[in-house]
């Protein structure tokens, strides 16, 4: 039984210590055969980027030749090695954790980060480079980032070797600066004569001699447009069809993982269904056929299943939740906030994905939507005429969106609910089969507050989002919006959450909204709604389920409603 490598990104340690490793080494061959030697590839946070970089590092490192069979022998690339294996000195840079307080401190920490990486290289290749101690002392005295890089390039040139440059988190500091709203600070470092642009120009010069290959990764193309003239050699392969499955797990891989980590055969199908609903759904190329599971989340979930024989209490790892906290910072302007609310209501948006970002247009609609795609908050659903329909990929990302709504309501409209009272109404729905107390509580304490301010445009979809939002953290239900059945799409299906299996009642809810001026249509709407609910209840997959209650909820204007249990 393989150990679960949750949170690990060290390829060598995983291979030597008996951890599960999903073989992605066929992509080493694919990227080596691409038309460019200098590649730019981005994926959402915690999507396996660092592990893949560690795999590249171990494969190409000239020092690892003696360990090649041990590390790669049973993997695809071990059986199909390329001519470039173990032929490079590796320079690995990581730009996370830099001090972004001001320009001088950023420049200083950037320089220190580069120097530390070069010192690591000097230590690793002492037997190849001449006089590494002298080189280290020389570099230590240099205060110019580009001079540091050129010193290394000249020393490597002397021994006739080539460098494979790997840059992880290339955009981390830029994202922090943008999130702080420091536009002038950002422009100073990446535009003409900015030290970041100068750094990339120096790397470009290095490709004329010793830097033979470059692989850059991060979570957004935020600096690509601004760096273009200084570093116009990188090929952006983020949405390349052949690399859609390079990071993350395909369904076939998840099936194999369940077996390898010791999930019993009778439990595998149930676990796969759960993982699919929670963490699957990503598509990074419109032409790709296989959707991708978030790998970090799959391992997080399975770690709990293997150790405690039950799912984690929180379906989203707190580390990931923190990463998505920047969503609030990106919606500080009214346009982005309104757009995000629209996406949540509609559960997607028709858009085109922008492959290069210019900071000056960060708040244009297509740029903001593209950023949500790169962050993993939206993914490709289908081609829609000349553009793409982007959707929220899975249940856990929907919970992030719903929690964003709740946080926003609390902050903007001072809606602070008595959580004990709210929980009681949800428990009445779950254990006693009474839905009206919950609807009454939300109507009085949320919808009425909003309607009194005349700020939001009331409609069925907005009400649905509000009703779902306040259910999510209860862990009693897993709300499913627009669940497809043969009878149509259920507005809200409240499925019992597997973390609290003794929930007695599930719910089919049909929502209707009519203006006060159209109140005379309520009887007809009621008749249609009841018919819809009966059709849903008779559909495959629901007909056999016990204890499923049905409710038609009709909101009339902003302060009146009817609940009809069928």
Protein backbone atom coordinates (compact mmCIF):
# COMPACT_ATOMS: atom_id res chain seq x y z
CA UNK A 1 0.00 0.00 0.00
CA UNK A 2 1.44 3.37 -1.05
CA UNK A 3 1.71 6.26 1.39
CA UNK A 4 -0.31 9.36 0.49
CA UNK A 5 2.00 12.29 -0.36
CA UNK A 6 -0.35 15.04 0.74
CA UNK A 7 1.49 18.38 0.70
CA UNK A 8 4.68 16.84 -0.69
CA UNK A 9 6.47 18.20 -3.75
CA UNK A 10 9.87 16.51 -3.50
CA UNK A 11 10.07 13.94 -6.31
CA UNK A 12 13.16 12.17 -4.97
CA UNK A 13 11.74 11.78 -1.46
CA UNK A 14 8.46 10.41 -2.84
CA UNK A 15 10.27 7.85 -4.98
CA UNK A 16 12.74 6.77 -2.32
CA UNK A 17 10.33 6.61 0.61
CA UNK A 18 7.46 4.60 -0.87
CA UNK A 19 4.95 7.36 -1.53
CA UNK A 20 2.30 7.25 -4.23
CA UNK A 21 3.52 8.89 -7.44
CA UNK A 22 1.21 9.36 -10.40
CA UNK A 23 3.40 8.97 -13.47
CA UNK A 24 3.41 12.22 -15.43
CA UNK A 25 6.86 11.68 -16.94
CA UNK A 26 5.52 11.16 -20.48
CA UNK A 27 5.07 14.95 -20.47
CA UNK A 28 8.83 15.41 -20.14
CA UNK A 29 9.10 13.90 -23.60
CA UNK A 30 6.18 16.02 -24.88
CA UNK A 31 7.59 19.35 -23.69
CA UNK A 32 11.05 18.46 -24.93
CA UNK A 33 9.57 17.96 -28.40
CA UNK A 34 7.71 21.28 -28.50
CA UNK A 35 8.89 23.95 -30.94
CA UNK A 36 10.26 26.21 -28.20
CA UNK A 37 12.94 25.58 -25.59
CA UNK A 38 11.53 28.35 -23.39
CA UNK A 39 8.14 27.51 -21.94
CA UNK A 40 5.59 29.36 -19.86
CA UNK A 41 2.94 27.22 -18.16
CA UNK A 42 0.42 28.20 -15.49
CA UNK A 43 -2.08 26.36 -13.33
CA UNK A 44 -4.14 27.22 -10.21
CA UNK A 45 -2.52 27.13 -6.79
CA UNK A 46 -1.84 23.70 -5.30
CA UNK A 47 -2.28 21.91 -8.57
CA UNK A 48 1.00 19.94 -8.64
CA UNK A 49 3.29 22.54 -10.24
CA UNK A 50 6.10 22.27 -7.68
CA UNK A 51 6.14 18.47 -7.88
CA UNK A 52 6.38 18.56 -11.66
CA UNK A 53 9.27 21.04 -11.44
CA UNK A 54 10.98 18.72 -8.96
CA UNK A 55 10.50 15.87 -11.45
CA UNK A 56 12.10 17.95 -14.23
CA UNK A 57 14.94 18.90 -11.90
CA UNK A 58 15.73 15.29 -11.04
CA UNK A 59 15.44 14.11 -14.64
CA UNK A 60 17.72 16.70 -16.22
CA UNK A 61 20.27 17.15 -13.41
CA UNK A 62 23.73 16.08 -14.60
CA UNK A 63 24.49 14.89 -11.06
CA UNK A 64 21.62 12.40 -11.01
CA UNK A 65 22.84 10.09 -13.75
CA UNK A 66 23.89 7.38 -11.28
CA UNK A 67 20.41 7.46 -9.68
CA UNK A 68 18.44 7.48 -12.94
CA UNK A 69 17.33 3.86 -12.78
CA UNK A 70 16.34 4.11 -9.12
CA UNK A 71 14.30 7.29 -9.64
CA UNK A 72 12.82 6.71 -13.09
CA UNK A 73 13.35 3.06 -14.05
CA UNK A 74 9.73 1.91 -13.74
CA UNK A 75 8.22 5.16 -15.05
CA UNK A 76 7.39 6.06 -18.65
CA UNK A 77 10.47 8.23 -19.11
CA UNK A 78 12.71 5.57 -17.57
CA UNK A 79 11.63 3.17 -20.29
CA UNK A 80 11.67 5.88 -22.98
CA UNK A 81 14.51 8.24 -22.00
CA UNK A 82 15.17 11.32 -24.13
CA UNK A 83 18.60 12.29 -25.40
CA UNK A 84 18.74 15.23 -22.94
CA UNK A 85 18.38 13.24 -19.69
CA UNK A 86 20.97 14.13 -17.04
CA UNK A 87 22.62 16.69 -19.29
CA UNK A 88 22.12 20.02 -17.49
CA UNK A 89 23.14 22.04 -14.50
CA UNK A 90 19.87 23.05 -12.84
CA UNK A 91 19.23 26.61 -11.67
CA UNK A 92 15.94 26.74 -9.79
CA UNK A 93 14.46 30.08 -8.76
CA UNK A 94 11.39 30.56 -6.57
CA UNK A 95 9.87 34.02 -6.16
CA UNK A 96 7.36 33.31 -3.40
CA UNK A 97 7.76 34.92 0.00
CA UNK A 98 9.50 38.10 -1.21
CA UNK A 99 9.15 41.31 0.78
CA UNK A 100 6.66 43.49 -1.13
CA UNK A 101 6.49 46.32 1.41
CA UNK A 102 8.15 48.75 -0.98
CA UNK A 103 10.28 48.79 -4.12
CA UNK A 104 13.67 48.82 -2.33
CA UNK A 105 12.79 45.94 -0.02
CA UNK A 106 11.38 43.92 -2.91
CA UNK A 107 14.53 44.50 -4.95
CA UNK A 108 16.70 43.49 -1.99
CA UNK A 109 14.75 40.28 -1.30
CA UNK A 110 14.63 39.47 -5.03
CA UNK A 111 18.43 39.80 -5.19
CA UNK A 112 18.84 37.65 -2.07
CA UNK A 113 16.54 34.98 -3.50
CA UNK A 114 18.56 34.84 -6.75
CA UNK A 115 21.86 34.70 -4.83
CA UNK A 116 20.59 31.89 -2.58
CA UNK A 117 19.55 29.87 -5.64
CA UNK A 118 22.94 30.41 -7.29
CA UNK A 119 24.74 29.43 -4.07
CA UNK A 120 22.70 26.22 -4.04
CA UNK A 121 23.82 25.59 -7.63
CA UNK A 122 27.47 26.23 -6.70
CA UNK A 123 27.21 23.73 -3.86
CA UNK A 124 25.61 21.12 -6.09
CA UNK A 125 28.19 21.37 -8.88
CA UNK A 126 31.42 21.86 -6.94
CA UNK A 127 33.02 19.03 -8.87
CA UNK A 128 32.21 20.64 -12.22
CA UNK A 129 32.70 24.38 -11.73
CA UNK A 130 36.14 25.77 -11.00
CA UNK A 131 36.82 27.58 -7.70
CA UNK A 132 33.25 27.65 -6.42
CA UNK A 133 34.32 29.38 -3.20
CA UNK A 134 35.81 32.26 -5.16
CA UNK A 135 32.70 32.53 -7.31
CA UNK A 136 30.54 32.57 -4.15
CA UNK A 137 32.60 35.36 -2.60
CA UNK A 138 32.48 37.36 -5.82
CA UNK A 139 28.70 37.03 -6.10
CA UNK A 140 28.30 37.93 -2.44
CA UNK A 141 29.86 41.35 -3.12
CA UNK A 142 27.64 42.16 -6.12
CA UNK A 143 24.56 44.30 -5.53
CA UNK A 144 23.22 44.30 -9.11
CA UNK A 145 20.87 41.40 -9.93
CA UNK A 146 21.86 41.25 -13.60
CA UNK A 147 25.57 41.24 -12.76
CA UNK A 148 24.96 38.25 -10.48
CA UNK A 149 23.28 36.33 -13.34
CA UNK A 150 26.01 37.28 -15.84
CA UNK A 151 28.72 36.14 -13.39
CA UNK A 152 27.14 32.71 -13.20
CA UNK A 153 26.67 32.55 -16.99
CA UNK A 154 30.36 33.33 -17.55
CA UNK A 155 31.52 30.71 -15.03
CA UNK A 156 29.32 27.99 -16.57
CA UNK A 157 30.57 28.96 -20.04
CA UNK A 158 34.16 28.31 -18.90
CA UNK A 159 33.42 24.63 -18.20
CA UNK A 160 31.39 24.12 -21.38
CA UNK A 161 28.12 23.14 -19.66
CA UNK A 162 24.48 24.13 -20.21
CA UNK A 163 21.86 25.31 -17.73
CA UNK A 164 18.20 24.31 -17.43
CA UNK A 165 16.50 27.27 -15.72
CA UNK A 166 13.36 26.56 -13.71
CA UNK A 167 11.32 29.47 -12.28
CA UNK A 168 8.53 28.67 -9.83
CA UNK A 169 5.99 31.25 -8.56
CA UNK A 170 7.25 33.76 -11.11
CA UNK A 171 4.22 36.02 -10.45
CA UNK A 172 3.82 35.64 -6.69
CA UNK A 173 5.17 39.06 -5.73
CA UNK A 174 3.32 40.76 -8.62
CA UNK A 175 0.00 39.27 -7.49
CA UNK A 176 0.65 40.54 -3.95
CA UNK A 177 1.39 44.05 -5.22
CA UNK A 178 -1.73 44.09 -7.41
CA UNK A 179 -3.89 42.77 -4.55
CA UNK A 180 -2.66 45.69 -2.44
CA UNK A 181 -3.78 48.06 -5.21
CA UNK A 182 -0.25 49.40 -5.66
CA UNK A 183 -0.41 50.11 -9.38
CA UNK A 184 2.48 52.59 -9.49
CA UNK A 185 4.73 50.24 -7.52
CA UNK A 186 3.94 47.48 -10.02
CA UNK A 187 4.68 49.67 -13.04
CA UNK A 188 8.02 50.77 -11.60
CA UNK A 189 9.35 47.23 -11.36
CA UNK A 190 8.09 45.65 -14.61
CA UNK A 191 7.96 48.45 -17.15
CA UNK A 192 10.95 49.86 -19.06
CA UNK A 193 14.05 50.12 -16.82
CA UNK A 194 12.26 48.28 -13.98
CA UNK A 195 14.54 45.76 -12.28
CA UNK A 196 12.23 42.80 -12.98
CA UNK A 197 12.20 43.53 -16.70
CA UNK A 198 15.99 43.99 -16.65
CA UNK A 199 16.33 40.61 -14.94
CA UNK A 200 14.35 38.85 -17.70
CA UNK A 201 16.31 40.70 -20.39
CA UNK A 202 19.50 39.33 -18.83
CA UNK A 203 18.07 35.80 -18.89
CA UNK A 204 17.29 36.29 -22.57
CA UNK A 205 20.93 37.25 -23.17
CA UNK A 206 21.92 34.10 -21.26
CA UNK A 207 20.02 31.93 -23.75
CA UNK A 208 22.57 32.92 -26.39
CA UNK A 209 25.23 30.96 -24.53
CA UNK A 210 24.56 28.68 -21.55
CA UNK A 211 20.84 28.87 -20.64
CA UNK A 212 19.59 26.19 -22.99
CA UNK A 213 16.08 25.60 -21.63
CA UNK A 214 13.65 27.53 -19.43
CA UNK A 215 10.44 26.40 -17.74
CA UNK A 216 8.45 29.16 -15.99
CA UNK A 217 5.34 28.57 -13.92
CA UNK A 218 2.92 30.53 -11.74
CA UNK A 219 -0.81 31.10 -11.36
CA UNK A 220 -1.50 33.92 -13.83
CA UNK A 221 -0.08 35.54 -16.96
CA UNK A 222 -0.14 38.86 -15.13
CA UNK A 223 3.36 40.00 -16.14
CA UNK A 224 3.55 38.46 -19.62
CA UNK A 225 2.31 41.49 -21.51
CA UNK A 226 4.40 43.91 -19.48
CA UNK A 227 7.57 41.86 -19.96
CA UNK A 228 7.04 41.09 -23.65
CA UNK A 229 9.61 43.39 -25.20
CA UNK A 230 12.25 42.36 -22.68
CA UNK A 231 11.48 38.65 -22.71
CA UNK A 232 9.68 37.75 -25.93
CA UNK A 233 11.12 34.26 -26.30
CA UNK A 234 8.80 32.18 -24.09
CA UNK A 235 6.02 30.08 -25.63
CA UNK A 236 2.84 30.11 -23.54
CA UNK A 237 1.70 26.46 -23.45
CA UNK A 238 -0.87 26.90 -20.67
CA UNK A 239 -3.83 25.97 -22.90
CA UNK A 240 -1.95 23.55 -25.16
CA UNK A 241 -4.19 20.58 -25.95
CA UNK A 242 -1.36 18.05 -25.53
CA UNK A 243 -0.62 19.33 -21.99
CA UNK A 244 -4.20 19.49 -20.63
CA UNK A 245 -3.59 16.52 -18.32
CA UNK A 246 0.05 17.26 -17.42
CA UNK A 247 -0.93 18.38 -13.92
CA UNK A 248 -3.85 17.15 -11.85
CA UNK A 249 -5.42 13.69 -12.04
CA UNK A 250 -7.60 12.20 -14.75
CA UNK A 251 -10.45 9.92 -13.71
CA UNK A 252 -8.43 6.85 -14.74
CA UNK A 253 -5.60 8.03 -12.51
CA UNK A 254 -7.97 8.59 -9.56
CA UNK A 255 -9.35 5.04 -9.96
CA UNK A 256 -5.79 3.70 -9.80
CA UNK A 257 -4.94 5.91 -6.82
CA UNK A 258 -7.91 4.53 -4.85
CA UNK A 259 -6.53 1.05 -5.36
CA UNK A 260 -2.91 1.94 -4.58
CA UNK A 261 -3.67 3.70 -1.28
CA UNK A 262 -5.70 0.73 -0.04
CA UNK A 263 -9.34 1.82 -0.41
CA UNK A 264 -11.37 -1.40 -0.31
CA UNK A 265 -12.96 -2.41 -3.61
CA UNK A 266 -16.53 -2.07 -2.33
CA UNK A 267 -15.81 1.51 -1.20
CA UNK A 268 -14.03 2.67 -4.36
CA UNK A 269 -17.10 3.49 -6.44
CA UNK A 270 -18.59 5.58 -3.63
CA UNK A 271 -15.28 7.39 -3.07
CA UNK A 272 -14.93 8.09 -6.79
CA UNK A 273 -18.44 9.60 -6.93
CA UNK A 274 -17.59 11.87 -4.01
CA UNK A 275 -14.24 12.96 -5.42
CA UNK A 276 -15.81 13.64 -8.82
CA UNK A 277 -18.48 15.92 -7.41
CA UNK A 278 -16.12 17.71 -5.03
CA UNK A 279 -12.87 18.19 -6.93
CA UNK A 280 -13.24 17.29 -10.62
CA UNK A 281 -14.28 19.41 -13.59
CA UNK A 282 -11.19 21.31 -14.74
CA UNK A 283 -10.52 21.71 -18.46
CA UNK A 284 -7.60 23.81 -19.65
CA UNK A 285 -8.02 23.46 -23.40
CA UNK A 286 -11.32 23.86 -25.26
CA UNK A 287 -10.41 20.90 -27.50
CA UNK A 288 -9.49 18.54 -24.64
CA UNK A 289 -11.78 15.65 -23.76
CA UNK A 290 -10.61 14.65 -20.28
CA UNK A 291 -11.52 16.73 -17.27
CA UNK A 292 -9.06 17.02 -14.42
CA UNK A 293 -9.34 16.55 -10.65
CA UNK A 294 -7.55 18.97 -8.32
CA UNK A 295 -4.68 16.70 -7.13
CA UNK A 296 -4.03 18.43 -3.82
CA UNK A 297 -7.68 18.14 -2.82
CA UNK A 298 -7.95 14.48 -3.84
CA UNK A 299 -4.94 13.59 -1.67
CA UNK A 300 -6.29 15.71 1.21
CA UNK A 301 -9.61 13.83 1.08
CA UNK A 302 -8.01 10.39 0.77
CA UNK A 303 -5.59 11.09 3.61
CA UNK A 304 -8.60 11.45 5.92
CA UNK A 305 -10.35 8.38 4.47
CA UNK A 306 -7.25 6.20 4.94
CA UNK A 307 -6.34 7.49 8.40
CA UNK A 308 -9.76 8.02 9.99
CA UNK A 309 -12.09 5.96 7.75
CA UNK A 310 -14.23 9.04 7.07
CA UNK A 311 -14.12 12.19 4.92
CA UNK A 312 -12.45 15.35 6.28
CA UNK A 313 -14.76 17.56 8.32
CA UNK A 314 -13.87 20.48 6.06
CA UNK A 315 -14.04 19.49 2.39
CA UNK A 316 -11.70 22.32 1.47
CA UNK A 317 -8.24 22.35 2.97
CA UNK A 318 -7.67 25.52 5.03
CA UNK A 319 -4.44 26.19 3.11
CA UNK A 320 -6.39 26.38 -0.15
CA UNK A 321 -9.10 28.50 1.42
CA UNK A 322 -6.42 31.01 2.41
CA UNK A 323 -5.15 31.06 -1.18
CA UNK A 324 -8.60 31.97 -2.42
CA UNK A 325 -8.90 34.74 0.16
CA UNK A 326 -7.46 37.03 -2.49
CA UNK A 327 -10.87 36.82 -4.22
CA UNK A 328 -12.08 39.51 -1.83
CA UNK A 329 -9.12 41.71 -2.72
CA UNK A 330 -9.78 41.34 -6.45
CA UNK A 331 -13.36 42.56 -6.05
CA UNK A 332 -12.62 45.78 -4.23
CA UNK A 333 -13.96 47.75 -7.22
CA UNK A 334 -17.69 47.78 -7.94
CA UNK A 335 -17.40 46.45 -11.52
CA UNK A 336 -15.59 43.25 -10.51
CA UNK A 337 -17.89 42.74 -7.55
CA UNK A 338 -21.02 43.03 -9.69
CA UNK A 339 -19.50 40.74 -12.31
CA UNK A 340 -18.60 38.06 -9.77
CA UNK A 341 -22.13 38.16 -8.32
CA UNK A 342 -23.49 37.73 -11.83
CA UNK A 343 -21.23 34.71 -12.44
CA UNK A 344 -22.36 33.12 -9.16
CA UNK A 345 -26.03 33.69 -10.01
CA UNK A 346 -25.68 32.34 -13.55
CA UNK A 347 -23.16 29.65 -12.51
CA UNK A 348 -20.91 30.70 -15.36
CA UNK A 349 -20.28 33.24 -18.09
CA UNK A 350 -19.64 33.42 -21.83
CA UNK A 351 -16.19 34.93 -22.34
CA UNK A 352 -12.88 34.70 -24.15
CA UNK A 353 -9.76 33.78 -22.20
CA UNK A 354 -7.02 36.40 -22.42
CA UNK A 355 -3.57 34.80 -22.69
CA UNK A 356 -1.56 37.92 -21.84
CA UNK A 357 -2.40 40.40 -19.12
CA UNK A 358 -1.72 44.09 -19.15
CA UNK A 359 -1.98 45.61 -15.71
CA UNK A 360 -3.70 48.70 -17.10
CA UNK A 361 -6.71 46.60 -18.12
CA UNK A 362 -6.86 44.45 -14.99
CA UNK A 363 -10.41 45.58 -14.28
CA UNK A 364 -11.82 45.07 -17.76
CA UNK A 365 -14.44 42.34 -17.76
CA UNK A 366 -12.56 39.87 -19.98
CA UNK A 367 -9.36 40.29 -17.97
CA UNK A 368 -11.08 39.72 -14.63
CA UNK A 369 -12.94 36.66 -15.94
CA UNK A 370 -9.69 35.28 -17.36
CA UNK A 371 -8.01 35.74 -14.00
CA UNK A 372 -10.80 33.70 -12.36
CA UNK A 373 -10.08 30.97 -14.95
CA UNK A 374 -6.36 30.94 -14.18
CA UNK A 375 -7.05 30.86 -10.44
CA UNK A 376 -9.20 27.74 -10.90
CA UNK A 377 -12.46 29.48 -9.92
CA UNK A 378 -13.84 29.04 -13.44
CA UNK A 379 -13.11 26.42 -16.06
CA UNK A 380 -13.98 25.70 -19.68
CA UNK A 381 -17.37 24.05 -20.11
CA UNK A 382 -17.89 24.27 -23.88
CA UNK A 383 -17.40 26.32 -27.01
CA UNK A 384 -20.24 28.81 -27.41
CA UNK A 385 -20.18 30.26 -30.94
CA UNK A 386 -16.94 32.26 -31.16
CA UNK A 387 -16.33 32.30 -27.40
CA UNK A 388 -16.27 29.89 -24.47
CA UNK A 389 -18.78 29.18 -21.74
CA UNK A 390 -16.85 29.15 -18.47
CA UNK A 391 -18.44 27.49 -15.45
CA UNK A 392 -17.67 27.01 -11.76
CA UNK A 393 -15.81 23.67 -11.89
CA UNK A 394 -17.04 21.71 -8.87
CA UNK A 395 -18.77 21.73 -5.50
CA UNK A 396 -15.90 22.97 -3.34
CA UNK A 397 -15.28 25.96 -5.62
CA UNK A 398 -19.01 26.72 -5.45
CA UNK A 399 -18.71 26.78 -1.65
CA UNK A 400 -15.93 29.38 -1.98
CA UNK A 401 -18.25 31.48 -4.13
CA UNK A 402 -21.17 31.09 -1.72
CA UNK A 403 -18.99 31.99 1.24
CA UNK A 404 -17.82 35.06 -0.66
CA UNK A 405 -21.50 36.12 -0.94
CA UNK A 406 -22.04 35.57 2.78
CA UNK A 407 -18.90 37.53 3.72
CA UNK A 408 -19.92 40.34 1.42
CA UNK A 409 -23.45 40.53 2.83
CA UNK A 410 -22.03 40.66 6.33
CA UNK A 411 -19.56 43.40 5.46
CA UNK A 412 -21.63 45.54 3.12
CA UNK A 413 -25.13 45.24 4.53
CA UNK A 414 -24.23 44.49 8.19
CA UNK A 415 -26.13 41.19 8.05
CA UNK A 416 -24.99 39.29 11.15
CA UNK A 417 -27.21 36.30 11.76
CA UNK A 418 -27.68 34.49 15.04
CA UNK A 419 -25.96 31.28 13.98
CA UNK A 420 -27.61 29.27 16.74
CA UNK A 421 -31.08 30.30 15.53
CA UNK A 422 -30.10 29.66 11.90
CA UNK A 423 -28.77 26.20 12.80
CA UNK A 424 -32.03 25.34 14.58
CA UNK A 425 -34.08 26.10 11.46
CA UNK A 426 -31.76 23.92 9.33
CA UNK A 427 -32.03 21.09 11.86
CA UNK A 428 -35.82 21.34 11.71
CA UNK A 429 -35.60 20.93 7.95
CA UNK A 430 -33.12 18.03 8.23
CA UNK A 431 -34.61 16.02 11.09
CA UNK A 432 -38.28 17.04 11.30
CA UNK A 433 -39.04 17.70 7.64
CA UNK A 434 -40.16 21.32 8.17
CA UNK A 435 -38.73 23.83 5.69
CA UNK A 436 -40.83 26.88 6.52
CA UNK A 437 -38.79 28.01 9.59
CA UNK A 438 -35.65 28.25 7.46
CA UNK A 439 -37.39 30.20 4.69
CA UNK A 440 -38.97 32.52 7.27
CA UNK A 441 -35.64 33.13 8.99
CA UNK A 442 -33.81 33.98 5.73
CA UNK A 443 -36.74 36.08 4.50
CA UNK A 444 -36.89 38.19 7.67
CA UNK A 445 -33.18 38.49 8.42
CA UNK A 446 -31.59 38.63 4.98
CA UNK A 447 -33.98 39.26 2.09
CA UNK A 448 -35.96 41.94 3.89
CA UNK A 449 -32.79 43.80 4.90
CA UNK A 450 -31.61 43.77 1.31
CA UNK A 451 -34.97 44.77 -0.15
CA UNK A 452 -35.30 47.68 2.26
CA UNK A 453 -32.07 49.12 0.89
CA UNK A 454 -33.35 48.78 -2.70
CA UNK A 455 -29.82 47.87 -3.76
CA UNK A 456 -30.22 44.49 -5.38
CA UNK A 457 -32.39 43.44 -8.23
CA UNK A 458 -34.56 40.68 -6.83
CA UNK A 459 -35.05 37.63 -8.99
CA UNK A 460 -35.27 33.89 -8.66
CA UNK A 461 -31.57 33.27 -9.18
CA UNK A 462 -30.45 35.76 -6.57
CA UNK A 463 -32.86 34.34 -4.00
CA UNK A 464 -31.56 30.86 -4.80
CA UNK A 465 -27.97 31.93 -4.16
CA UNK A 466 -28.98 33.45 -0.79
CA UNK A 467 -30.87 30.31 0.31
CA UNK A 468 -27.92 28.08 -0.62
CA UNK A 469 -25.29 30.40 0.88
CA UNK A 470 -26.59 30.06 4.42
CA UNK A 471 -26.91 26.28 4.18
CA UNK A 472 -23.36 25.49 3.15
CA UNK A 473 -21.54 25.85 6.46
CA UNK A 474 -24.14 23.83 8.37
CA UNK A 475 -22.63 20.61 6.89
CA UNK A 476 -26.14 19.12 7.05
CA UNK A 477 -26.72 19.39 3.31
CA UNK A 478 -24.81 19.54 0.10
CA UNK A 479 -26.90 21.95 -1.99
CA UNK A 480 -26.94 21.10 -5.70
CA UNK A 481 -28.15 23.86 -7.99
CA UNK A 482 -29.83 23.00 -11.30
CA UNK A 483 -29.46 19.23 -10.90
CA UNK A 484 -30.35 17.59 -14.20
CA UNK A 485 -33.11 14.97 -14.34
CA UNK A 486 -35.26 13.55 -17.16
CA UNK A 487 -38.01 15.88 -15.94
CA UNK A 488 -35.88 19.02 -16.19
CA UNK A 489 -33.51 20.91 -13.88
CA UNK A 490 -34.19 21.01 -10.14
CA UNK A 491 -33.71 24.55 -8.78
CA UNK A 492 -32.20 23.27 -5.52
CA UNK A 493 -31.64 19.69 -4.46
CA UNK A 494 -30.58 19.40 -0.83
CA UNK A 495 -28.65 16.16 -0.63
CA UNK A 496 -27.64 14.87 2.80
CA UNK A 497 -23.96 15.42 3.42
CA UNK A 498 -21.99 12.20 3.93
CA UNK A 499 -20.21 13.80 6.89
CA UNK A 500 -23.54 13.74 8.83
CA UNK A 501 -25.16 10.54 7.53
CA UNK A 502 -28.06 10.54 10.04
CA UNK A 503 -29.80 13.50 8.33
CA UNK A 504 -33.33 12.18 7.83
CA UNK A 505 -34.83 14.34 5.06
CA UNK A 506 -33.51 15.44 1.70
CA UNK A 507 -35.32 18.16 -0.25
CA UNK A 508 -36.37 18.97 -3.80
CA UNK A 509 -37.05 22.69 -4.00
CA UNK A 510 -38.66 24.57 -6.87
CA UNK A 511 -38.30 28.36 -6.62
CA UNK A 512 -40.55 30.93 -8.25
CA UNK A 513 -40.52 34.71 -8.11
CA UNK A 514 -43.34 37.05 -9.17
CA UNK A 515 -43.63 40.79 -8.91
CA UNK A 516 -46.35 42.21 -6.66
CA UNK A 517 -48.04 43.58 -9.76
CA UNK A 518 -48.37 40.01 -11.12
CA UNK A 519 -49.77 38.45 -7.96
CA UNK A 520 -52.83 37.27 -9.86
CA UNK A 521 -50.60 34.71 -11.61
CA UNK A 522 -49.66 32.91 -8.37
CA UNK A 523 -52.31 30.16 -8.66
CA UNK A 524 -51.18 29.21 -12.14
CA UNK A 525 -47.51 29.29 -11.10
CA UNK A 526 -48.37 27.10 -8.13
CA UNK A 527 -50.02 24.54 -10.36
CA UNK A 528 -47.04 24.44 -12.73
CA UNK A 529 -44.54 24.23 -9.86
CA UNK A 530 -46.28 21.27 -8.25
CA UNK A 531 -46.27 19.42 -11.59
CA UNK A 532 -42.55 20.11 -11.99
CA UNK A 533 -41.77 18.74 -8.52
CA UNK A 534 -43.72 15.56 -9.21
CA UNK A 535 -41.78 15.04 -12.45
CA UNK A 536 -38.46 15.49 -10.65
CA UNK A 537 -39.47 13.06 -7.90
CA UNK A 538 -40.31 10.38 -10.46
CA UNK A 539 -36.96 10.69 -12.24
CA UNK A 540 -34.29 8.02 -12.28
CA UNK A 541 -32.03 8.23 -9.25
CA UNK A 542 -34.60 10.08 -7.14
CA UNK A 543 -37.58 7.75 -7.41
CA UNK A 544 -35.82 5.10 -5.30
CA UNK A 545 -34.52 7.49 -2.62
CA UNK A 546 -36.40 7.51 0.66
CA UNK A 547 -37.28 10.51 2.77
CA UNK A 548 -37.08 13.05 -0.04
CA UNK A 549 -39.47 15.91 0.64
CA UNK A 550 -40.62 18.45 -1.94
CA UNK A 551 -41.33 22.14 -1.54
CA UNK A 552 -42.50 24.84 -3.90
CA UNK A 553 -41.44 28.28 -2.66
CA UNK A 554 -43.02 31.30 -4.30
CA UNK A 555 -41.62 34.74 -3.47
CA UNK A 556 -44.04 37.57 -4.21
CA UNK A 557 -42.28 40.88 -4.45
CA UNK A 558 -39.60 41.52 -1.87
CA UNK A 559 -41.33 40.71 1.38
CA UNK A 560 -43.95 38.01 0.82
CA UNK A 561 -43.67 34.30 0.15
CA UNK A 562 -45.63 31.05 0.12
CA UNK A 563 -44.31 27.58 0.95
CA UNK A 564 -46.23 24.63 -0.51
CA UNK A 565 -45.04 21.18 0.54
CA UNK A 566 -45.99 18.50 -1.97
